[in-house]
Amino acid sequence: MTDAFAGRAARLSLGLALTFAATALPLQALQIAVAVHLPAYFAASIGVELTVVAAAFATVRLIDVPIEPALGIAMDRTRTRFGRYRVWMALGAPLLMVGLYMLLTAQGGVGVSYLITWLLVMYLGASILMLAHQAWAATLAQSYDDRSRLFGVMMAVGVVGAVVVLLIPIVMEQMGYAEAQGVRAMVWYIIALAPIAVALVVWRTPETISPEPHGQRFRLRDYIELVTDRNMSRILLADLALSLGPGWMAALYIFYSRDKMGFTSGEANILLAVYILSGVAGAPALAWVATKISKHRTVMLSATAYSLLLVSLAFLPKGNVLASIPTLFFTGFMATGFNVLTRAMTADVADEMRLRQGVERSGLLYAMTTLTSKIAAGGSIFLTFNVLSAVGYDPKLGQANTPEAIDALLLSFLVGPIVFVLLGAVCLIGYRLTAERAGEVRRLLQIRDHEILYDPASALEGLTGEEPASPQAGR
């Protein structure tokens, strides 16, 4: 029986990978719109106070803390005739659309309670879509290298959605529309794209629910083990830091580009499009590098390069778009490796946990990584907006701010991301779930899945011990 399951899992076709990646189109577009444009839109165009915007985004992230893991647990326990993750994706799209529409209709003077309510609805829909999509990907691609490739394709497809959403305000500015009108058009694009992308994935992607032995009970220590596992804990800490760095930059990008560099809204969006579009090349390239030197080493390499490249931003000539393109391209190239590879690493940990505990934990594990990203995003907006407010920076004044306020803007834009991204690289020191260990875990899972189907009593007996019958290396 061992020989029958010793072979490598079949590699996913490019067509299936591209089809499955469709959900990344609206999700990546949403991340750009929310992280870069919506906070500035509420503060500068709608007239909401900086502290109100900061409080709204930070509060929603805090509310996400209990919701995110609950969603992950619910997904892991879902078993229907339509699949496990398919039904959740069908639920997430309408919530996302309603939340975005209500934020779109916000008027001047809107209060923090209104923003919190509809940001929460929007984020709930986005969380469901993202968790289901990533957990589904972990079961769709089953080998160590294929997971890097699939998550690389997902990121590359998502970049296309992000670039298109960035082109909207650029084109509208050329047509004479105001910046606020361009932001609203971006939101309408996401509302229209979400149901189409999700329907395509739900319709065309196969889903298989792994067999699980009967008699498994809820054990608190199993959930504690997910967080304290030496590999997963490193992923969570690294993901928090690696998300906080770019999120910090995203929160200040519009202000920095406009008030420090003197770019128009269209020029700022062109440069941001270069940063995002570089992910089309960066995601598959870094996924390929990961197959050669391992995923965690590739993350550490890209994080170091990203931080070094950021230093050059301080020396770029003001108002020169062409001079800024190389730095924006290569920083974006490196940044794509953070999310792609940590998510692929999470899939490997999910396999090891299923071997050890006997039940699927992908949804909860991805809830943890998604939660760290959301905490970082909300924390970056809260911290940076409050810092700028404290030093006297006013987004409504633009370049008329004092030189001291502009200097504080530049310092905030660079120092935070460099520190946190380097910290993310340090967190992965000691990570041990290598390609060899992941391959052995997959082999043992295939054997046990076969036993569950044909000899469930034997499979359940194998789960009564504290550790799985597997090599101890890398634990």
Protein backbone atom coordinates (compact mmCIF):
# COMPACT_ATOMS: atom_id res chain seq x y z
CA MET A 1 0.00 0.00 0.00
CA THR A 2 2.85 2.38 0.74
CA ASP A 3 4.13 2.26 -2.83
CA ALA A 4 0.72 3.10 -4.19
CA PHE A 5 0.76 6.44 -2.40
CA ALA A 6 4.42 7.30 -2.56
CA GLY A 7 4.23 9.18 -5.85
CA ARG A 8 3.98 12.93 -6.18
CA ALA A 9 0.53 14.50 -6.40
CA ALA A 10 -0.60 15.36 -9.91
CA ARG A 11 0.31 18.90 -10.92
CA LEU A 12 -2.63 21.25 -11.48
CA SER A 13 -3.20 22.39 -15.04
CA LEU A 14 -2.59 26.07 -15.77
CA GLY A 15 -6.17 26.44 -16.99
CA LEU A 16 -7.63 25.14 -13.72
CA ALA A 17 -5.24 27.29 -11.68
CA LEU A 18 -6.22 30.42 -13.62
CA THR A 19 -9.92 29.65 -13.30
CA PHE A 20 -9.66 29.06 -9.58
CA ALA A 21 -7.66 32.27 -9.16
CA ALA A 22 -10.57 34.40 -10.47
CA THR A 23 -11.74 35.26 -6.95
CA ALA A 24 -8.41 37.01 -6.40
CA LEU A 25 -9.47 39.66 -8.95
CA PRO A 26 -11.98 41.49 -6.71
CA LEU A 27 -10.14 40.63 -3.48
CA GLN A 28 -6.86 42.21 -4.55
CA ALA A 29 -8.70 45.17 -6.06
CA LEU A 30 -10.48 45.60 -2.73
CA GLN A 31 -7.23 45.56 -0.78
CA ILE A 32 -5.84 48.38 -2.91
CA ALA A 33 -9.03 50.43 -2.71
CA VAL A 34 -9.43 50.00 1.06
CA ALA A 35 -5.78 50.28 2.07
CA VAL A 36 -4.82 53.17 -0.20
CA HIS A 37 -7.87 55.13 -1.34
CA LEU A 38 -10.82 54.71 1.04
CA PRO A 39 -9.18 56.15 4.21
CA ALA A 40 -7.90 59.16 2.25
CA TYR A 41 -11.28 59.48 0.50
CA PHE A 42 -13.17 59.67 3.80
CA ALA A 43 -10.66 62.13 5.29
CA ALA A 44 -10.03 64.45 2.34
CA SER A 45 -13.12 64.18 0.11
CA ILE A 46 -15.97 63.43 2.53
CA GLY A 47 -14.48 65.55 5.31
CA VAL A 48 -14.40 62.95 8.09
CA GLU A 49 -11.85 63.79 10.77
CA LEU A 50 -8.58 61.82 10.69
CA THR A 51 -9.16 60.53 14.22
CA VAL A 52 -12.66 59.30 13.28
CA VAL A 53 -11.35 57.42 10.24
CA ALA A 54 -8.54 55.93 12.32
CA ALA A 55 -10.96 54.88 15.09
CA ALA A 56 -13.40 53.29 12.62
CA PHE A 57 -10.77 51.16 10.86
CA ALA A 58 -9.06 50.16 14.10
CA THR A 59 -12.36 49.21 15.79
CA VAL A 60 -13.43 47.01 12.90
CA ARG A 61 -10.11 45.18 13.03
CA LEU A 62 -10.58 44.54 16.75
CA ILE A 63 -14.08 43.18 16.14
CA ASP A 64 -12.55 40.84 13.56
CA VAL A 65 -10.44 39.17 16.25
CA PRO A 66 -13.17 36.76 17.47
CA ILE A 67 -15.03 36.62 14.14
CA GLU A 68 -12.13 35.43 12.00
CA PRO A 69 -11.30 32.24 13.96
CA ALA A 70 -15.02 31.46 14.32
CA LEU A 71 -15.36 31.58 10.53
CA GLY A 72 -12.38 29.27 10.14
CA ILE A 73 -13.77 26.71 12.60
CA ALA A 74 -17.18 26.85 10.92
CA MET A 75 -15.64 26.25 7.49
CA ASP A 76 -13.60 23.30 8.72
CA ARG A 77 -16.76 21.69 10.12
CA THR A 78 -18.88 22.32 7.04
CA ARG A 79 -19.74 19.23 5.01
CA THR A 80 -22.48 19.58 2.39
CA ARG A 81 -23.37 17.93 -0.89
CA PHE A 82 -22.09 21.08 -2.63
CA GLY A 83 -18.70 20.98 -0.90
CA ARG A 84 -17.07 22.65 2.07
CA TYR A 85 -15.75 25.99 0.76
CA ARG A 86 -18.02 26.45 -2.25
CA VAL A 87 -21.06 27.32 -0.12
CA TRP A 88 -19.10 29.86 1.90
CA MET A 89 -17.86 31.67 -1.18
CA ALA A 90 -21.44 31.96 -2.42
CA LEU A 91 -22.33 33.61 0.91
CA GLY A 92 -19.39 36.02 1.05
CA ALA A 93 -19.95 37.82 -2.25
CA PRO A 94 -23.35 39.42 -1.39
CA LEU A 95 -22.07 40.64 1.99
CA LEU A 96 -19.09 42.28 0.35
CA MET A 97 -21.28 43.99 -2.24
CA VAL A 98 -23.77 45.39 0.30
CA GLY A 99 -21.03 46.73 2.56
CA LEU A 100 -19.27 48.49 -0.31
CA TYR A 101 -22.50 50.02 -1.58
CA MET A 102 -23.36 51.50 1.80
CA LEU A 103 -19.86 52.96 2.18
CA LEU A 104 -20.26 54.41 -1.30
CA THR A 105 -23.37 56.32 -0.24
CA ALA A 106 -21.69 57.90 2.82
CA GLN A 107 -22.15 61.67 2.96
CA GLY A 108 -20.19 64.47 4.57
CA GLY A 109 -20.19 64.42 8.36
CA VAL A 110 -20.93 60.69 8.59
CA GLY A 111 -20.23 59.37 12.07
CA VAL A 112 -17.91 56.67 13.30
CA SER A 113 -20.81 54.27 14.00
CA TYR A 114 -21.91 54.35 10.35
CA LEU A 115 -18.38 53.66 9.14
CA ILE A 116 -17.86 50.84 11.64
CA THR A 117 -21.15 49.14 10.74
CA TRP A 118 -20.61 49.01 6.99
CA LEU A 119 -16.88 48.45 7.15
CA LEU A 120 -17.69 45.43 9.30
CA VAL A 121 -20.20 44.09 6.76
CA MET A 122 -17.74 44.66 3.93
CA TYR A 123 -14.87 43.01 5.81
CA LEU A 124 -17.07 40.07 6.81
CA GLY A 125 -17.84 39.35 3.18
CA ALA A 126 -14.20 39.81 2.19
CA SER A 127 -13.05 37.56 5.05
CA ILE A 128 -15.38 34.77 4.04
CA LEU A 129 -14.22 34.96 0.42
CA MET A 130 -10.54 35.12 1.30
CA LEU A 131 -10.63 32.33 3.89
CA ALA A 132 -12.64 29.99 1.70
CA HIS A 133 -10.47 30.73 -1.34
CA GLN A 134 -7.17 30.13 0.45
CA ALA A 135 -8.32 27.04 2.35
CA TRP A 136 -9.80 25.60 -0.85
CA ALA A 137 -6.45 26.23 -2.57
CA ALA A 138 -4.67 24.27 0.16
CA THR A 139 -6.77 21.20 -0.67
CA LEU A 140 -6.71 21.75 -4.43
CA ALA A 141 -2.89 21.77 -4.70
CA GLN A 142 -1.40 18.93 -2.71
CA SER A 143 2.37 19.01 -3.24
CA TYR A 144 4.94 21.35 -1.69
CA ASP A 145 5.98 22.91 -5.00
CA ASP A 146 2.51 22.94 -6.58
CA ARG A 147 1.22 25.04 -3.70
CA SER A 148 3.87 27.66 -4.37
CA ARG A 149 2.83 27.69 -8.03
CA LEU A 150 -0.92 27.90 -7.31
CA PHE A 151 -0.58 30.72 -4.79
CA GLY A 152 1.76 32.43 -7.23
CA VAL A 153 -0.90 32.22 -9.95
CA MET A 154 -3.53 33.50 -7.53
CA MET A 155 -1.36 36.49 -6.69
CA ALA A 156 -0.56 37.19 -10.34
CA VAL A 157 -4.25 37.10 -11.30
CA GLY A 158 -5.07 39.29 -8.31
CA VAL A 159 -2.50 41.80 -9.50
CA VAL A 160 -4.44 42.15 -12.75
CA GLY A 161 -7.57 43.04 -10.78
CA ALA A 162 -5.62 45.52 -8.67
CA VAL A 163 -4.03 47.19 -11.69
CA VAL A 164 -7.38 47.57 -13.45
CA VAL A 165 -8.88 49.21 -10.37
CA LEU A 166 -5.94 51.59 -10.26
CA LEU A 167 -6.36 52.51 -13.92
CA ILE A 168 -9.91 53.69 -13.28
CA PRO A 169 -9.03 56.94 -11.43
CA ILE A 170 -6.11 57.54 -13.79
CA VAL A 171 -8.38 57.42 -16.85
CA MET A 172 -11.09 59.43 -15.11
CA GLU A 173 -8.62 62.14 -14.14
CA GLN A 174 -7.61 62.46 -17.79
CA MET A 175 -11.30 62.80 -18.66
CA GLY A 176 -11.69 65.68 -16.22
CA TYR A 177 -13.38 63.91 -13.31
CA ALA A 178 -12.57 64.73 -9.69
CA GLU A 179 -10.47 62.41 -7.50
CA ALA A 180 -13.49 61.47 -5.37
CA GLN A 181 -15.42 60.39 -8.48
CA GLY A 182 -12.54 58.13 -9.43
CA VAL A 183 -12.60 56.45 -6.02
CA ARG A 184 -16.35 55.85 -6.28
CA ALA A 185 -15.85 54.31 -9.73
CA MET A 186 -13.28 51.94 -8.23
CA VAL A 187 -15.83 50.74 -5.68
CA TRP A 188 -18.46 50.17 -8.38
CA TYR A 189 -15.93 48.10 -10.34
CA ILE A 190 -15.41 45.79 -7.33
CA ILE A 191 -19.16 45.49 -6.72
CA ALA A 192 -19.71 44.41 -10.32
CA LEU A 193 -16.70 42.07 -10.51
CA ALA A 194 -17.21 40.11 -7.27
CA PRO A 195 -20.29 38.03 -8.25
CA ILE A 196 -18.88 37.21 -11.70
CA ALA A 197 -15.53 36.00 -10.36
CA VAL A 198 -17.04 33.98 -7.52
CA ALA A 199 -19.62 32.36 -9.81
CA LEU A 200 -16.85 31.23 -12.17
CA VAL A 201 -14.86 29.59 -9.38
CA VAL A 202 -17.89 27.92 -7.80
CA TRP A 203 -19.03 26.59 -11.17
CA ARG A 204 -15.74 25.36 -12.65
CA THR A 205 -13.52 24.26 -9.75
CA PRO A 206 -13.72 20.72 -8.32
CA GLU A 207 -13.76 20.26 -4.56
CA THR A 208 -12.98 17.17 -2.54
CA ILE A 209 -13.57 16.89 1.20
CA SER A 210 -10.88 14.74 2.80
CA PRO A 211 -12.24 11.76 4.77
CA GLU A 212 -12.08 12.01 8.54
CA PRO A 213 -12.45 9.22 11.11
CA HIS A 214 -15.65 9.11 13.14
CA GLY A 215 -15.47 9.68 16.85
CA GLN A 216 -13.24 12.76 16.83
CA ARG A 217 -14.16 15.21 19.61
CA PHE A 218 -13.48 18.88 20.21
CA ARG A 219 -10.32 19.20 22.27
CA LEU A 220 -9.11 22.60 23.42
CA ARG A 221 -5.52 21.43 23.41
CA ASP A 222 -5.77 20.76 19.65
CA TYR A 223 -6.58 24.41 19.02
CA ILE A 224 -3.85 25.59 21.37
CA GLU A 225 -1.44 23.39 19.45
CA LEU A 226 -2.22 25.26 16.23
CA VAL A 227 -0.91 28.51 17.69
CA THR A 228 2.00 27.10 19.68
CA ASP A 229 3.33 24.86 16.91
CA ARG A 230 6.88 26.04 16.21
CA ASN A 231 6.29 26.39 12.47
CA MET A 232 2.84 28.00 12.62
CA SER A 233 3.82 30.46 15.33
CA ARG A 234 6.69 31.66 13.15
CA ILE A 235 4.38 32.09 10.17
CA LEU A 236 1.93 34.13 12.26
CA LEU A 237 4.58 36.46 13.68
CA ALA A 238 6.23 36.87 10.29
CA ASP A 239 2.91 37.49 8.56
CA LEU A 240 1.97 40.16 11.10
CA ALA A 241 5.23 42.03 10.58
CA LEU A 242 5.32 41.52 6.80
CA SER A 243 1.75 42.82 6.53
CA LEU A 244 2.30 45.78 8.83
CA GLY A 245 5.23 47.09 6.74
CA PRO A 246 3.44 47.44 3.35
CA GLY A 247 0.17 48.31 5.10
CA TRP A 248 1.93 51.19 6.84
CA MET A 249 3.14 52.47 3.48
CA ALA A 250 -0.27 52.00 1.85
CA ALA A 251 -1.99 54.11 4.52
CA LEU A 252 0.36 57.04 3.79
CA TYR A 253 0.99 56.54 0.09
CA ILE A 254 -1.50 59.11 -1.27
CA PHE A 255 -0.36 61.77 1.21
CA TYR A 256 3.34 61.03 0.60
CA SER A 257 2.99 61.02 -3.20
CA ARG A 258 0.94 64.22 -3.31
CA ASP A 259 2.45 66.35 -0.56
CA LYS A 260 6.08 65.18 -0.37
CA MET A 261 6.79 64.13 -3.97
CA GLY A 262 4.45 66.59 -5.68
CA PHE A 263 2.74 63.99 -7.88
CA THR A 264 -0.77 64.46 -9.18
CA SER A 265 -3.38 61.86 -8.31
CA GLY A 266 -2.95 60.30 -11.76
CA GLU A 267 0.85 60.14 -11.44
CA ALA A 268 0.60 58.61 -7.97
CA ASN A 269 -1.75 55.95 -9.29
CA ILE A 270 0.53 55.23 -12.24
CA LEU A 271 3.43 54.57 -9.87
CA LEU A 272 1.21 52.49 -7.61
CA ALA A 273 0.12 50.51 -10.70
CA VAL A 274 3.81 49.86 -11.45
CA TYR A 275 4.28 48.62 -7.87
CA ILE A 276 1.27 46.32 -8.13
CA LEU A 277 1.83 45.20 -11.71
CA SER A 278 5.34 44.04 -10.84
CA GLY A 279 3.61 41.25 -8.94
CA VAL A 280 2.69 39.60 -12.25
CA ALA A 281 6.40 38.91 -12.65
CA GLY A 282 7.29 38.73 -8.97
CA ALA A 283 4.74 36.14 -7.82
CA PRO A 284 5.69 33.34 -10.26
CA ALA A 285 9.39 34.25 -10.12
CA LEU A 286 9.57 34.05 -6.33
CA ALA A 287 7.41 30.91 -6.35
CA TRP A 288 10.00 29.36 -8.67
CA VAL A 289 12.83 30.47 -6.38
CA ALA A 290 10.99 28.82 -3.50
CA THR A 291 11.12 25.47 -5.29
CA LYS A 292 14.92 25.82 -5.33
CA ILE A 293 15.81 27.22 -1.91
CA SER A 294 12.55 26.60 0.07
CA LYS A 295 9.66 28.92 0.80
CA HIS A 296 10.78 30.41 4.10
CA ARG A 297 14.27 31.25 2.83
CA THR A 298 12.73 32.96 -0.20
CA VAL A 299 10.55 35.09 2.10
CA MET A 300 13.61 36.09 4.14
CA LEU A 301 15.53 36.97 0.97
CA SER A 302 12.70 39.06 -0.53
CA ALA A 303 12.07 40.87 2.78
CA THR A 304 15.71 41.90 3.06
CA ALA A 305 15.81 43.13 -0.54
CA TYR A 306 12.52 45.01 -0.08
CA SER A 307 13.83 46.88 2.96
CA LEU A 308 17.07 47.86 1.26
CA LEU A 309 15.21 49.14 -1.79
CA LEU A 310 12.95 51.36 0.34
CA VAL A 311 15.94 53.41 1.47
CA SER A 312 16.35 54.75 -2.07
CA LEU A 313 12.91 56.42 -1.92
CA ALA A 314 14.34 59.13 0.31
CA PHE A 315 16.75 60.20 -2.44
CA LEU A 316 14.39 60.31 -5.42
CA PRO A 317 13.93 63.71 -7.11
CA LYS A 318 10.64 65.43 -6.36
CA GLY A 319 8.03 65.27 -9.10
CA ASN A 320 10.05 62.90 -11.33
CA VAL A 321 7.83 59.95 -12.20
CA LEU A 322 10.38 58.16 -14.38
CA ALA A 323 13.02 58.22 -11.65
CA SER A 324 10.60 56.57 -9.23
CA ILE A 325 9.56 53.69 -11.50
CA PRO A 326 12.56 51.33 -10.92
CA THR A 327 12.32 51.49 -7.13
CA LEU A 328 8.54 51.05 -7.15
CA PHE A 329 8.81 48.12 -9.55
CA PHE A 330 11.42 46.16 -7.61
CA THR A 331 9.89 46.81 -4.19
CA GLY A 332 6.56 45.57 -5.53
CA PHE A 333 8.32 42.58 -7.08
CA MET A 334 9.77 41.57 -3.71
CA ALA A 335 6.61 42.31 -1.73
CA THR A 336 4.56 39.75 -3.65
CA GLY A 337 6.62 37.00 -2.09
CA PHE A 338 5.40 37.81 1.41
CA ASN A 339 1.75 36.85 0.99
CA VAL A 340 2.22 34.18 -1.69
CA LEU A 341 4.73 32.11 0.23
CA THR A 342 3.39 32.48 3.77
CA ARG A 343 0.01 31.25 2.51
CA ALA A 344 1.65 28.32 0.73
CA MET A 345 3.58 27.55 3.94
CA THR A 346 0.29 27.58 5.87
CA ALA A 347 -1.05 24.88 3.56
CA ASP A 348 1.92 22.68 4.47
CA VAL A 349 1.28 23.25 8.18
CA ALA A 350 -2.41 22.36 7.64
CA ASP A 351 -1.33 18.98 6.27
CA GLU A 352 0.93 18.33 9.23
CA MET A 353 -1.87 19.27 11.63
CA ARG A 354 -4.35 17.00 9.84
CA LEU A 355 -1.87 14.15 10.11
CA ARG A 356 -1.32 14.87 13.79
CA GLN A 357 -4.93 15.61 14.85
CA GLY A 358 -6.94 13.67 12.28
CA VAL A 359 -9.26 16.52 11.21
CA GLU A 360 -9.14 19.43 8.76
CA ARG A 361 -7.84 22.70 10.21
CA SER A 362 -7.14 24.66 7.00
CA GLY A 363 -9.97 27.14 7.54
CA LEU A 364 -8.87 28.00 11.06
CA LEU A 365 -5.20 28.23 10.12
CA TYR A 366 -5.97 30.61 7.26
CA ALA A 367 -8.23 32.56 9.60
CA MET A 368 -5.20 33.10 11.81
CA THR A 369 -3.02 34.37 8.96
CA THR A 370 -5.83 36.53 7.59
CA LEU A 371 -6.41 37.92 11.07
CA THR A 372 -2.79 38.94 11.45
CA SER A 373 -2.98 40.75 8.10
CA LYS A 374 -6.15 42.57 9.16
CA ILE A 375 -4.71 43.55 12.52
CA ALA A 376 -1.68 44.92 10.70
CA ALA A 377 -3.82 46.85 8.22
CA GLY A 378 -6.01 48.39 10.90
CA GLY A 379 -3.03 49.02 13.17
CA SER A 380 -1.10 50.78 10.43
CA ILE A 381 -3.97 53.17 9.69
CA PHE A 382 -4.58 53.84 13.38
CA LEU A 383 -0.92 54.46 14.21
CA THR A 384 0.08 56.48 11.15
CA PHE A 385 -3.02 58.68 11.07
CA ASN A 386 -2.72 59.48 14.76
CA VAL A 387 1.00 60.23 14.44
CA LEU A 388 0.39 62.60 11.54
CA SER A 389 -2.42 64.28 13.43
CA ALA A 390 -0.17 64.72 16.48
CA VAL A 391 2.61 66.41 14.48
CA GLY A 392 0.16 68.82 12.85
CA TYR A 393 -0.21 67.25 9.40
CA ASP A 394 -3.57 68.10 7.80
CA PRO A 395 -4.60 66.15 4.65
CA LYS A 396 -6.89 68.97 3.57
CA LEU A 397 -3.94 71.40 3.39
CA GLY A 398 -1.91 69.18 1.08
CA GLN A 399 1.47 70.72 0.18
CA ALA A 400 0.60 73.78 2.30
CA ASN A 401 1.49 71.78 5.42
CA THR A 402 4.53 73.00 7.37
CA PRO A 403 7.97 71.63 6.37
CA GLU A 404 8.13 69.87 9.73
CA ALA A 405 4.86 68.07 9.04
CA ILE A 406 6.08 67.02 5.58
CA ASP A 407 9.33 65.71 7.08
CA ALA A 408 7.35 63.72 9.63
CA LEU A 409 5.30 62.30 6.77
CA LEU A 410 8.45 61.11 4.96
CA LEU A 411 9.91 59.61 8.13
CA SER A 412 6.72 57.74 8.91
CA PHE A 413 6.46 56.50 5.32
CA LEU A 414 9.91 54.86 5.33
CA VAL A 415 11.05 53.90 8.82
CA GLY A 416 8.03 51.84 9.89
CA PRO A 417 7.97 49.55 6.82
CA ILE A 418 11.73 48.93 6.89
CA VAL A 419 11.72 47.94 10.56
CA PHE A 420 8.70 45.68 10.38
CA VAL A 421 9.60 43.88 7.16
CA LEU A 422 13.08 43.08 8.47
CA LEU A 423 11.47 41.84 11.68
CA GLY A 424 9.28 39.55 9.58
CA ALA A 425 12.38 37.98 8.04
CA VAL A 426 13.90 37.41 11.47
CA CYS A 427 10.75 35.63 12.67
CA LEU A 428 11.28 32.81 10.17
CA ILE A 429 14.65 31.82 11.59
CA GLY A 430 14.19 28.27 12.87
CA TYR A 431 11.32 27.32 10.54
CA ARG A 432 11.70 23.61 9.72
CA LEU A 433 8.82 22.41 7.56
CA THR A 434 10.98 21.69 4.52
CA ALA A 435 9.99 20.18 1.16
CA GLU A 436 11.19 16.75 2.32
CA ARG A 437 9.12 16.85 5.51
CA ALA A 438 6.05 18.16 3.63
CA GLY A 439 6.34 15.36 1.07
CA GLU A 440 6.49 12.72 3.78
CA VAL A 441 3.42 14.22 5.48
CA ARG A 442 1.47 14.06 2.20
CA ARG A 443 2.48 10.43 1.70
CA LEU A 444 1.30 9.45 5.17
CA LEU A 445 -1.96 11.37 4.73
CA GLN A 446 -2.73 9.53 1.50
CA ILE A 447 -2.16 6.21 3.22
CA ARG A 448 -4.42 7.13 6.14
CA ASP A 449 -7.16 8.57 3.90
CA HIS A 450 -7.22 5.22 2.12
CA GLU A 451 -7.48 3.41 5.48
CA ILE A 452 -10.35 5.63 6.61
CA LEU A 453 -12.31 4.77 3.49
CA TYR A 454 -11.69 1.02 3.72
CA ASP A 455 -10.73 0.33 7.35
CA PRO A 456 -12.04 3.20 9.55
CA ALA A 457 -11.51 1.35 12.83
CA SER A 458 -7.81 0.96 12.11
CA ALA A 459 -7.47 4.60 11.10
CA LEU A 460 -9.17 5.84 14.28
CA GLU A 461 -6.93 3.61 16.39
CA GLY A 462 -3.91 5.28 14.79
CA LEU A 463 -5.09 8.64 16.11
CA THR A 464 -5.26 7.67 19.77
CA GLY A 465 -1.59 8.31 20.39
CA GLU A 466 -0.05 11.66 21.10
CA GLU A 467 2.06 11.77 17.91
CA PRO A 468 1.53 10.49 14.38
CA ALA A 469 3.57 7.62 13.06
CA SER A 470 5.84 9.89 11.08
CA PRO A 471 9.45 11.05 11.10
CA GLN A 472 10.22 13.49 13.84
CA ALA A 473 12.54 15.66 11.78
CA GLY A 474 11.37 19.21 11.33
CA ARG A 475 8.97 19.31 14.25
